Amino acid sequence: GSFNGCTDECEEHGTCQRNALGDHLCVCDKGWGGQGCSLPQCGGSGGCGEHGSCVAPGVCKCHPGFDGPECDLQVCRNQCSRHGLCDTVHGKCECFA
């Protein structure tokens, strides 16, 4: 439901406030956004990118094969068997000589 123009969810992660025009709207707590302040927000310009989803404020859950704070690093199989370095841009191992 709504209370003076704010949704109920606003109270969980934000506060209902009146703006200069007299309209009521949700002002979200840090780390929350969306209508009713119900969507966690992740940092960085792209949030969790195409390879992850934001599960809590500032916390990305990466899809399999990806890692990093914004899920933009590819993981190498078996950590290159400890015989090379992982190229996280391409997800390929570069073997030691």
PDB file of N, CA and C in Angstrom:
ATOM      1  N   GLY A   1       0.818  -1.188   0.000  1.00  0.00           N
ATOM      2  CA  GLY A   1       0.000   0.000   0.000  1.00  0.00           C
ATOM      3  C   GLY A   1       0.859   1.248   0.000  1.00  0.00           C
ATOM      4  N   SER A   2       0.227   2.365   0.195  1.00  0.00           N
ATOM      5  CA  SER A   2       0.993   3.597   0.240  1.00  0.00           C
ATOM      6  C   SER A   2       0.553   4.430   1.425  1.00  0.00           C
ATOM      7  N   PHE A   3       1.435   5.289   1.876  1.00  0.00           N
ATOM      8  CA  PHE A   3       1.153   6.196   2.970  1.00  0.00           C
ATOM      9  C   PHE A   3       1.576   7.580   2.521  1.00  0.00           C
ATOM     10  N   ASN A   4       0.621   8.438   2.247  1.00  0.00           N
ATOM     11  CA  ASN A   4       0.909   9.805   1.793  1.00  0.00           C
ATOM     12  C   ASN A   4       1.848   9.826   0.583  1.00  0.00           C
ATOM     13  N   GLY A   5       1.709   8.891  -0.331  1.00  0.00           N
ATOM     14  CA  GLY A   5       2.527   8.879  -1.537  1.00  0.00           C
ATOM     15  C   GLY A   5       3.776   8.029  -1.421  1.00  0.00           C
ATOM     16  N   CYS A   6       4.062   7.489  -0.251  1.00  0.00           N
ATOM     17  CA  CYS A   6       5.226   6.611  -0.072  1.00  0.00           C
ATOM     18  C   CYS A   6       4.745   5.177   0.055  1.00  0.00           C
ATOM     19  N   THR A   7       5.521   4.256  -0.471  1.00  0.00           N
ATOM     20  CA  THR A   7       5.165   2.843  -0.348  1.00  0.00           C
ATOM     21  C   THR A   7       5.614   2.332   1.016  1.00  0.00           C
ATOM     22  N   ASP A   8       5.014   1.244   1.449  1.00  0.00           N
ATOM     23  CA  ASP A   8       5.344   0.659   2.747  1.00  0.00           C
ATOM     24  C   ASP A   8       6.818   0.293   2.849  1.00  0.00           C
ATOM     25  N   GLU A   9       7.401  -0.197   1.746  1.00  0.00           N
ATOM     26  CA  GLU A   9       8.794  -0.631   1.768  1.00  0.00           C
ATOM     27  C   GLU A   9       9.748   0.511   2.108  1.00  0.00           C
ATOM     28  N   CYS A  10       9.312   1.725   1.883  1.00  0.00           N
ATOM     29  CA  CYS A  10      10.142   2.894   2.151  1.00  0.00           C
ATOM     30  C   CYS A  10      10.627   2.885   3.595  1.00  0.00           C
ATOM     31  N   GLU A  11       9.779   2.437   4.488  1.00  0.00           N
ATOM     32  CA  GLU A  11      10.122   2.473   5.908  1.00  0.00           C
ATOM     33  C   GLU A  11      11.225   1.486   6.270  1.00  0.00           C
ATOM     34  N   GLU A  12      11.427   0.438   5.460  1.00  0.00           N
ATOM     35  CA  GLU A  12      12.444  -0.562   5.792  1.00  0.00           C
ATOM     36  C   GLU A  12      13.856  -0.074   5.470  1.00  0.00           C
ATOM     37  N   HIS A  13      14.038   0.600   4.325  1.00  0.00           N
ATOM     38  CA  HIS A  13      15.378   1.035   3.907  1.00  0.00           C
ATOM     39  C   HIS A  13      15.405   2.512   3.528  1.00  0.00           C
ATOM     40  N   GLY A  14      14.474   3.290   4.059  1.00  0.00           N
ATOM     41  CA  GLY A  14      14.432   4.708   3.764  1.00  0.00           C
ATOM     42  C   GLY A  14      13.411   5.401   4.637  1.00  0.00           C
ATOM     43  N   THR A  15      13.249   6.680   4.391  1.00  0.00           N
ATOM     44  CA  THR A  15      12.260   7.443   5.141  1.00  0.00           C
ATOM     45  C   THR A  15      11.368   8.205   4.176  1.00  0.00           C
ATOM     46  N   CYS A  16      10.117   8.373   4.567  1.00  0.00           N
ATOM     47  CA  CYS A  16       9.169   9.131   3.760  1.00  0.00           C
ATOM     48  C   CYS A  16       9.296  10.596   4.143  1.00  0.00           C
ATOM     49  N   GLN A  17       9.585  11.436   3.162  1.00  0.00           N
ATOM     50  CA  GLN A  17       9.760  12.858   3.418  1.00  0.00           C
ATOM     51  C   GLN A  17       8.946  13.673   2.430  1.00  0.00           C
ATOM     52  N   ARG A  18       8.630  14.883   2.809  1.00  0.00           N
ATOM     53  CA  ARG A  18       7.876  15.795   1.955  1.00  0.00           C
ATOM     54  C   ARG A  18       8.867  16.740   1.282  1.00  0.00           C
ATOM     55  N   ASN A  19       8.750  16.877  -0.050  1.00  0.00           N
ATOM     56  CA  ASN A  19       9.644  17.793  -0.770  1.00  0.00           C
ATOM     57  C   ASN A  19       9.052  19.196  -0.785  1.00  0.00           C
ATOM     58  N   ALA A  20       9.742  20.136  -1.432  1.00  0.00           N
ATOM     59  CA  ALA A  20       9.327  21.542  -1.452  1.00  0.00           C
ATOM     60  C   ALA A  20       7.960  21.744  -2.102  1.00  0.00           C
ATOM     61  N   LEU A  21       7.552  20.827  -2.980  1.00  0.00           N
ATOM     62  CA  LEU A  21       6.248  20.934  -3.650  1.00  0.00           C
ATOM     63  C   LEU A  21       5.121  20.317  -2.830  1.00  0.00           C
ATOM     64  N   GLY A  22       5.473  19.753  -1.688  1.00  0.00           N
ATOM     65  CA  GLY A  22       4.464  19.121  -0.846  1.00  0.00           C
ATOM     66  C   GLY A  22       4.212  17.664  -1.156  1.00  0.00           C
ATOM     67  N   ASP A  23       4.957  17.104  -2.118  1.00  0.00           N
ATOM     68  CA  ASP A  23       4.808  15.686  -2.455  1.00  0.00           C
ATOM     69  C   ASP A  23       5.593  14.842  -1.460  1.00  0.00           C
ATOM     70  N   HIS A  24       5.062  13.673  -1.154  1.00  0.00           N
ATOM     71  CA  HIS A  24       5.765  12.730  -0.291  1.00  0.00           C
ATOM     72  C   HIS A  24       6.552  11.760  -1.168  1.00  0.00           C
ATOM     73  N   LEU A  25       7.771  11.505  -0.771  1.00  0.00           N
ATOM     74  CA  LEU A  25       8.586  10.541  -1.508  1.00  0.00           C
ATOM     75  C   LEU A  25       9.571   9.880  -0.580  1.00  0.00           C
ATOM     76  N   CYS A  26      10.045   8.708  -1.015  1.00  0.00           N
ATOM     77  CA  CYS A  26      11.016   7.958  -0.231  1.00  0.00           C
ATOM     78  C   CYS A  26      12.407   8.541  -0.446  1.00  0.00           C
ATOM     79  N   VAL A  27      13.095   8.764   0.655  1.00  0.00           N
ATOM     80  CA  VAL A  27      14.515   9.117   0.604  1.00  0.00           C
ATOM     81  C   VAL A  27      15.238   7.881   1.126  1.00  0.00           C
ATOM     82  N   CYS A  28      15.981   7.235   0.224  1.00  0.00           N
ATOM     83  CA  CYS A  28      16.570   5.933   0.538  1.00  0.00           C
ATOM     84  C   CYS A  28      17.817   6.065   1.403  1.00  0.00           C
ATOM     85  N   ASP A  29      17.989   5.050   2.277  1.00  0.00           N
ATOM     86  CA  ASP A  29      19.214   4.944   3.057  1.00  0.00           C
ATOM     87  C   ASP A  29      20.372   4.659   2.113  1.00  0.00           C
ATOM     88  N   LYS A  30      21.590   4.966   2.559  1.00  0.00           N
ATOM     89  CA  LYS A  30      22.780   4.688   1.748  1.00  0.00           C
ATOM     90  C   LYS A  30      22.823   3.204   1.395  1.00  0.00           C
ATOM     91  N   GLY A  31      23.085   2.918   0.128  1.00  0.00           N
ATOM     92  CA  GLY A  31      23.160   1.541  -0.338  1.00  0.00           C
ATOM     93  C   GLY A  31      21.853   0.976  -0.863  1.00  0.00           C
ATOM     94  N   TRP A  32      20.785   1.767  -0.830  1.00  0.00           N
ATOM     95  CA  TRP A  32      19.475   1.305  -1.299  1.00  0.00           C
ATOM     96  C   TRP A  32      18.912   2.288  -2.307  1.00  0.00           C
ATOM     97  N   GLY A  33      18.106   1.797  -3.246  1.00  0.00           N
ATOM     98  CA  GLY A  33      17.510   2.650  -4.266  1.00  0.00           C
ATOM     99  C   GLY A  33      16.262   2.009  -4.834  1.00  0.00           C
ATOM    100  N   GLY A  34      15.776   2.575  -5.921  1.00  0.00           N
ATOM    101  CA  GLY A  34      14.579   2.064  -6.571  1.00  0.00           C
ATOM    102  C   GLY A  34      13.317   2.566  -5.892  1.00  0.00           C
ATOM    103  N   GLN A  35      12.204   2.249  -6.490  1.00  0.00           N
ATOM    104  CA  GLN A  35      10.925   2.658  -5.926  1.00  0.00           C
ATOM    105  C   GLN A  35      10.720   1.946  -4.593  1.00  0.00           C
ATOM    106  N   GLY A  36      10.467   2.680  -3.549  1.00  0.00           N
ATOM    107  CA  GLY A  36      10.275   2.080  -2.239  1.00  0.00           C
ATOM    108  C   GLY A  36      11.569   1.691  -1.554  1.00  0.00           C
ATOM    109  N   CYS A  37      12.713   2.084  -2.113  1.00  0.00           N
ATOM    110  CA  CYS A  37      14.031   1.801  -1.515  1.00  0.00           C
ATOM    111  C   CYS A  37      14.238   0.302  -1.291  1.00  0.00           C
ATOM    112  N   SER A  38      13.752  -0.527  -2.208  1.00  0.00           N
ATOM    113  CA  SER A  38      13.803  -1.974  -2.013  1.00  0.00           C
ATOM    114  C   SER A  38      14.937  -2.657  -2.783  1.00  0.00           C
ATOM    115  N   LEU A  39      15.696  -1.905  -3.592  1.00  0.00           N
ATOM    116  CA  LEU A  39      16.754  -2.523  -4.392  1.00  0.00           C
ATOM    117  C   LEU A  39      18.131  -2.171  -3.835  1.00  0.00           C
ATOM    118  N   PRO A  40      18.947  -3.192  -3.499  1.00  0.00           N
ATOM    119  CA  PRO A  40      20.307  -2.892  -3.045  1.00  0.00           C
ATOM    120  C   PRO A  40      21.109  -2.288  -4.196  1.00  0.00           C
ATOM    121  N   GLN A  41      22.011  -1.377  -3.864  1.00  0.00           N
ATOM    122  CA  GLN A  41      22.840  -0.713  -4.860  1.00  0.00           C
ATOM    123  C   GLN A  41      24.290  -1.145  -4.658  1.00  0.00           C
ATOM    124  N   CYS A  42      24.966  -1.457  -5.746  1.00  0.00           N
ATOM    125  CA  CYS A  42      26.372  -1.828  -5.683  1.00  0.00           C
ATOM    126  C   CYS A  42      27.207  -0.734  -6.323  1.00  0.00           C
ATOM    127  N   GLY A  43      28.394  -0.532  -5.799  1.00  0.00           N
ATOM    128  CA  GLY A  43      29.268   0.550  -6.237  1.00  0.00           C
ATOM    129  C   GLY A  43      29.794   0.374  -7.641  1.00  0.00           C
ATOM    130  N   GLY A  44      30.625   1.314  -8.035  1.00  0.00           N
ATOM    131  CA  GLY A  44      31.201   1.283  -9.370  1.00  0.00           C
ATOM    132  C   GLY A  44      30.233   1.814 -10.401  1.00  0.00           C
ATOM    133  N   SER A  45      30.759   2.147 -11.541  1.00  0.00           N
ATOM    134  CA  SER A  45      29.926   2.737 -12.589  1.00  0.00           C
ATOM    135  C   SER A  45      28.924   1.747 -13.151  1.00  0.00           C
ATOM    136  N   GLY A  46      29.279   0.469 -13.176  1.00  0.00           N
ATOM    137  CA  GLY A  46      28.384  -0.526 -13.748  1.00  0.00           C
ATOM    138  C   GLY A  46      27.754  -1.453 -12.728  1.00  0.00           C
ATOM    139  N   GLY A  47      27.857  -1.130 -11.445  1.00  0.00           N
ATOM    140  CA  GLY A  47      27.327  -2.032 -10.427  1.00  0.00           C
ATOM    141  C   GLY A  47      28.053  -3.358 -10.483  1.00  0.00           C
ATOM    142  N   CYS A  48      27.329  -4.417 -10.715  1.00  0.00           N
ATOM    143  CA  CYS A  48      27.921  -5.756 -10.814  1.00  0.00           C
ATOM    144  C   CYS A  48      28.125  -6.172 -12.270  1.00  0.00           C
ATOM    145  N   GLY A  49      27.915  -5.269 -13.194  1.00  0.00           N
ATOM    146  CA  GLY A  49      28.127  -5.552 -14.610  1.00  0.00           C
ATOM    147  C   GLY A  49      27.175  -6.596 -15.153  1.00  0.00           C
ATOM    148  N   GLU A  50      27.583  -7.188 -16.262  1.00  0.00           N
ATOM    149  CA  GLU A  50      26.755  -8.185 -16.944  1.00  0.00           C
ATOM    150  C   GLU A  50      26.920  -9.578 -16.345  1.00  0.00           C
ATOM    151  N   HIS A  51      27.910  -9.744 -15.449  1.00  0.00           N
ATOM    152  CA  HIS A  51      28.251 -11.091 -14.976  1.00  0.00           C
ATOM    153  C   HIS A  51      27.989 -11.282 -13.490  1.00  0.00           C
ATOM    154  N   GLY A  52      27.052 -10.526 -12.943  1.00  0.00           N
ATOM    155  CA  GLY A  52      26.727 -10.679 -11.536  1.00  0.00           C
ATOM    156  C   GLY A  52      25.472  -9.914 -11.182  1.00  0.00           C
ATOM    157  N   SER A  53      25.043 -10.070  -9.941  1.00  0.00           N
ATOM    158  CA  SER A  53      23.875  -9.344  -9.465  1.00  0.00           C
ATOM    159  C   SER A  53      24.149  -8.813  -8.067  1.00  0.00           C
ATOM    160  N   CYS A  54      23.539  -7.689  -7.763  1.00  0.00           N
ATOM    161  CA  CYS A  54      23.706  -7.036  -6.476  1.00  0.00           C
ATOM    162  C   CYS A  54      22.761  -7.709  -5.485  1.00  0.00           C
ATOM    163  N   VAL A  55      23.310  -8.320  -4.433  1.00  0.00           N
ATOM    164  CA  VAL A  55      22.488  -9.060  -3.480  1.00  0.00           C
ATOM    165  C   VAL A  55      22.313  -8.336  -2.150  1.00  0.00           C
ATOM    166  N   ALA A  56      23.155  -7.354  -1.888  1.00  0.00           N
ATOM    167  CA  ALA A  56      23.081  -6.525  -0.683  1.00  0.00           C
ATOM    168  C   ALA A  56      23.853  -5.250  -0.998  1.00  0.00           C
ATOM    169  N   PRO A  57      23.643  -4.185  -0.247  1.00  0.00           N
ATOM    170  CA  PRO A  57      24.384  -2.953  -0.545  1.00  0.00           C
ATOM    171  C   PRO A  57      25.891  -3.195  -0.607  1.00  0.00           C
ATOM    172  N   GLY A  58      26.462  -2.927  -1.787  1.00  0.00           N
ATOM    173  CA  GLY A  58      27.896  -3.081  -1.996  1.00  0.00           C
ATOM    174  C   GLY A  58      28.387  -4.509  -2.153  1.00  0.00           C
ATOM    175  N   VAL A  59      27.475  -5.479  -2.290  1.00  0.00           N
ATOM    176  CA  VAL A  59      27.870  -6.895  -2.386  1.00  0.00           C
ATOM    177  C   VAL A  59      27.344  -7.498  -3.685  1.00  0.00           C
ATOM    178  N   CYS A  60      28.282  -7.852  -4.586  1.00  0.00           N
ATOM    179  CA  CYS A  60      27.921  -8.519  -5.838  1.00  0.00           C
ATOM    180  C   CYS A  60      28.057 -10.027  -5.676  1.00  0.00           C
ATOM    181  N   LYS A  61      27.125 -10.774  -6.249  1.00  0.00           N
ATOM    182  CA  LYS A  61      27.263 -12.230  -6.363  1.00  0.00           C
ATOM    183  C   LYS A  61      27.555 -12.496  -7.830  1.00  0.00           C
ATOM    184  N   CYS A  62      28.759 -12.972  -8.101  1.00  0.00           N
ATOM    185  CA  CYS A  62      29.201 -13.174  -9.480  1.00  0.00           C
ATOM    186  C   CYS A  62      28.675 -14.486 -10.054  1.00  0.00           C
ATOM    187  N   HIS A  63      28.411 -14.471 -11.365  1.00  0.00           N
ATOM    188  CA  HIS A  63      28.043 -15.689 -12.075  1.00  0.00           C
ATOM    189  C   HIS A  63      29.263 -16.611 -12.114  1.00  0.00           C
ATOM    190  N   PRO A  64      29.048 -17.925 -12.278  1.00  0.00           N
ATOM    191  CA  PRO A  64      30.186 -18.849 -12.364  1.00  0.00           C
ATOM    192  C   PRO A  64      31.172 -18.416 -13.446  1.00  0.00           C
ATOM    193  N   GLY A  65      32.451 -18.488 -13.131  1.00  0.00           N
ATOM    194  CA  GLY A  65      33.499 -18.126 -14.080  1.00  0.00           C
ATOM    195  C   GLY A  65      33.940 -16.675 -13.973  1.00  0.00           C
ATOM    196  N   PHE A  66      33.316 -15.907 -13.067  1.00  0.00           N
ATOM    197  CA  PHE A  66      33.676 -14.494 -12.905  1.00  0.00           C
ATOM    198  C   PHE A  66      33.917 -14.182 -11.434  1.00  0.00           C
ATOM    199  N   ASP A  67      34.738 -13.160 -11.201  1.00  0.00           N
ATOM    200  CA  ASP A  67      35.118 -12.788  -9.839  1.00  0.00           C
ATOM    201  C   ASP A  67      35.399 -11.289  -9.799  1.00  0.00           C
ATOM    202  N   GLY A  68      35.746 -10.810  -8.646  1.00  0.00           N
ATOM    203  CA  GLY A  68      36.085  -9.404  -8.456  1.00  0.00           C
ATOM    204  C   GLY A  68      34.924  -8.624  -7.874  1.00  0.00           C
ATOM    205  N   PRO A  69      35.205  -7.429  -7.333  1.00  0.00           N
ATOM    206  CA  PRO A  69      34.155  -6.641  -6.688  1.00  0.00           C
ATOM    207  C   PRO A  69      33.019  -6.250  -7.634  1.00  0.00           C
ATOM    208  N   GLU A  70      33.298  -6.156  -8.929  1.00  0.00           N
ATOM    209  CA  GLU A  70      32.267  -5.803  -9.906  1.00  0.00           C
ATOM    210  C   GLU A  70      32.017  -6.935 -10.908  1.00  0.00           C
ATOM    211  N   CYS A  71      32.477  -8.145 -10.588  1.00  0.00           N
ATOM    212  CA  CYS A  71      32.287  -9.346 -11.418  1.00  0.00           C
ATOM    213  C   CYS A  71      32.802  -9.152 -12.842  1.00  0.00           C
ATOM    214  N   ASP A  72      33.892  -8.415 -12.983  1.00  0.00           N
ATOM    215  CA  ASP A  72      34.433  -8.143 -14.316  1.00  0.00           C
ATOM    216  C   ASP A  72      35.738  -8.886 -14.594  1.00  0.00           C
ATOM    217  N   LEU A  73      36.132  -9.781 -13.689  1.00  0.00           N
ATOM    218  CA  LEU A  73      37.352 -10.561 -13.891  1.00  0.00           C
ATOM    219  C   LEU A  73      36.976 -12.005 -14.179  1.00  0.00           C
ATOM    220  N   GLN A  74      37.555 -12.557 -15.255  1.00  0.00           N
ATOM    221  CA  GLN A  74      37.293 -13.953 -15.587  1.00  0.00           C
ATOM    222  C   GLN A  74      38.221 -14.846 -14.773  1.00  0.00           C
ATOM    223  N   VAL A  75      37.701 -15.972 -14.364  1.00  0.00           N
ATOM    224  CA  VAL A  75      38.456 -16.933 -13.562  1.00  0.00           C
ATOM    225  C   VAL A  75      39.042 -17.989 -14.496  1.00  0.00           C
ATOM    226  N   CYS A  76      40.279 -18.378 -14.231  1.00  0.00           N
ATOM    227  CA  CYS A  76      40.914 -19.438 -15.020  1.00  0.00           C
ATOM    228  C   CYS A  76      40.634 -20.790 -14.378  1.00  0.00           C
ATOM    229  N   ARG A  77      40.484 -21.813 -15.214  1.00  0.00           N
ATOM    230  CA  ARG A  77      40.241 -23.181 -14.730  1.00  0.00           C
ATOM    231  C   ARG A  77      41.384 -23.654 -13.858  1.00  0.00           C
ATOM    232  N   ASN A  78      41.045 -24.249 -12.737  1.00  0.00           N
ATOM    233  CA  ASN A  78      42.012 -24.851 -11.815  1.00  0.00           C
ATOM    234  C   ASN A  78      43.145 -23.902 -11.429  1.00  0.00           C
ATOM    235  N   GLN A  79      42.902 -22.614 -11.474  1.00  0.00           N
ATOM    236  CA  GLN A  79      43.901 -21.601 -11.124  1.00  0.00           C
ATOM    237  C   GLN A  79      45.215 -21.855 -11.866  1.00  0.00           C
ATOM    238  N   CYS A  80      45.083 -22.252 -13.121  1.00  0.00           N
ATOM    239  CA  CYS A  80      46.220 -22.529 -14.018  1.00  0.00           C
ATOM    240  C   CYS A  80      47.125 -23.629 -13.484  1.00  0.00           C
ATOM    241  N   SER A  81      46.580 -24.501 -12.662  1.00  0.00           N
ATOM    242  CA  SER A  81      47.318 -25.628 -12.085  1.00  0.00           C
ATOM    243  C   SER A  81      48.617 -25.184 -11.412  1.00  0.00           C
ATOM    244  N   ARG A  82      48.657 -23.958 -11.005  1.00  0.00           N
ATOM    245  CA  ARG A  82      49.823 -23.350 -10.345  1.00  0.00           C
ATOM    246  C   ARG A  82      51.069 -23.357 -11.231  1.00  0.00           C
ATOM    247  N   HIS A  83      50.864 -23.452 -12.550  1.00  0.00           N
ATOM    248  CA  HIS A  83      51.994 -23.441 -13.490  1.00  0.00           C
ATOM    249  C   HIS A  83      51.913 -22.242 -14.423  1.00  0.00           C
ATOM    250  N   GLY A  84      51.173 -21.236 -14.034  1.00  0.00           N
ATOM    251  CA  GLY A  84      51.050 -20.055 -14.866  1.00  0.00           C
ATOM    252  C   GLY A  84      50.245 -18.977 -14.172  1.00  0.00           C
ATOM    253  N   LEU A  85      50.090 -17.872 -14.869  1.00  0.00           N
ATOM    254  CA  LEU A  85      49.310 -16.755 -14.354  1.00  0.00           C
ATOM    255  C   LEU A  85      48.008 -16.644 -15.147  1.00  0.00           C
ATOM    256  N   CYS A  86      46.963 -16.224 -14.469  1.00  0.00           N
ATOM    257  CA  CYS A  86      45.665 -16.094 -15.111  1.00  0.00           C
ATOM    258  C   CYS A  86      45.514 -14.704 -15.719  1.00  0.00           C
ATOM    259  N   ASP A  87      45.188 -14.660 -17.000  1.00  0.00           N
ATOM    260  CA  ASP A  87      44.830 -13.412 -17.680  1.00  0.00           C
ATOM    261  C   ASP A  87      43.338 -13.219 -17.407  1.00  0.00           C
ATOM    262  N   THR A  88      43.020 -12.367 -16.421  1.00  0.00           N
ATOM    263  CA  THR A  88      41.629 -12.218 -15.997  1.00  0.00           C
ATOM    264  C   THR A  88      40.761 -11.452 -16.981  1.00  0.00           C
ATOM    265  N   VAL A  89      41.384 -10.826 -17.984  1.00  0.00           N
ATOM    266  CA  VAL A  89      40.610 -10.147 -19.016  1.00  0.00           C
ATOM    267  C   VAL A  89      40.000 -11.177 -19.957  1.00  0.00           C
ATOM    268  N   HIS A  90      40.808 -12.180 -20.308  1.00  0.00           N
ATOM    269  CA  HIS A  90      40.368 -13.194 -21.270  1.00  0.00           C
ATOM    270  C   HIS A  90      40.054 -14.547 -20.630  1.00  0.00           C
ATOM    271  N   GLY A  91      40.393 -14.732 -19.352  1.00  0.00           N
ATOM    272  CA  GLY A  91      40.139 -15.998 -18.685  1.00  0.00           C
ATOM    273  C   GLY A  91      41.023 -17.126 -19.182  1.00  0.00           C
ATOM    274  N   LYS A  92      42.249 -16.778 -19.606  1.00  0.00           N
ATOM    275  CA  LYS A  92      43.181 -17.785 -20.135  1.00  0.00           C
ATOM    276  C   LYS A  92      44.451 -17.797 -19.310  1.00  0.00           C
ATOM    277  N   CYS A  93      45.051 -18.966 -19.223  1.00  0.00           N
ATOM    278  CA  CYS A  93      46.311 -19.115 -18.496  1.00  0.00           C
ATOM    279  C   CYS A  93      47.495 -18.743 -19.371  1.00  0.00           C
ATOM    280  N   GLU A  94      48.458 -18.073 -18.753  1.00  0.00           N
ATOM    281  CA  GLU A  94      49.736 -17.794 -19.411  1.00  0.00           C
ATOM    282  C   GLU A  94      50.766 -18.609 -18.647  1.00  0.00           C
ATOM    283  N   CYS A  95      51.263 -19.670 -19.287  1.00  0.00           N
ATOM    284  CA  CYS A  95      52.152 -20.624 -18.625  1.00  0.00           C
ATOM    285  C   CYS A  95      53.516 -20.012 -18.317  1.00  0.00           C
ATOM    286  N   PHE A  96      54.069 -20.474 -17.182  1.00  0.00           N
ATOM    287  CA  PHE A  96      55.449 -20.087 -16.871  1.00  0.00           C
ATOM    288  C   PHE A  96      56.383 -20.740 -17.861  1.00  0.00           C
ATOM    289  N   ALA A  97      57.493 -20.098 -18.167  1.00  0.00           N
ATOM    290  CA  ALA A  97      58.467 -20.647 -19.126  1.00  0.00           C
ATOM    291  C   ALA A  97      59.251 -21.775 -18.528  1.00  0.00           C
TER     292      ALA A  97
END
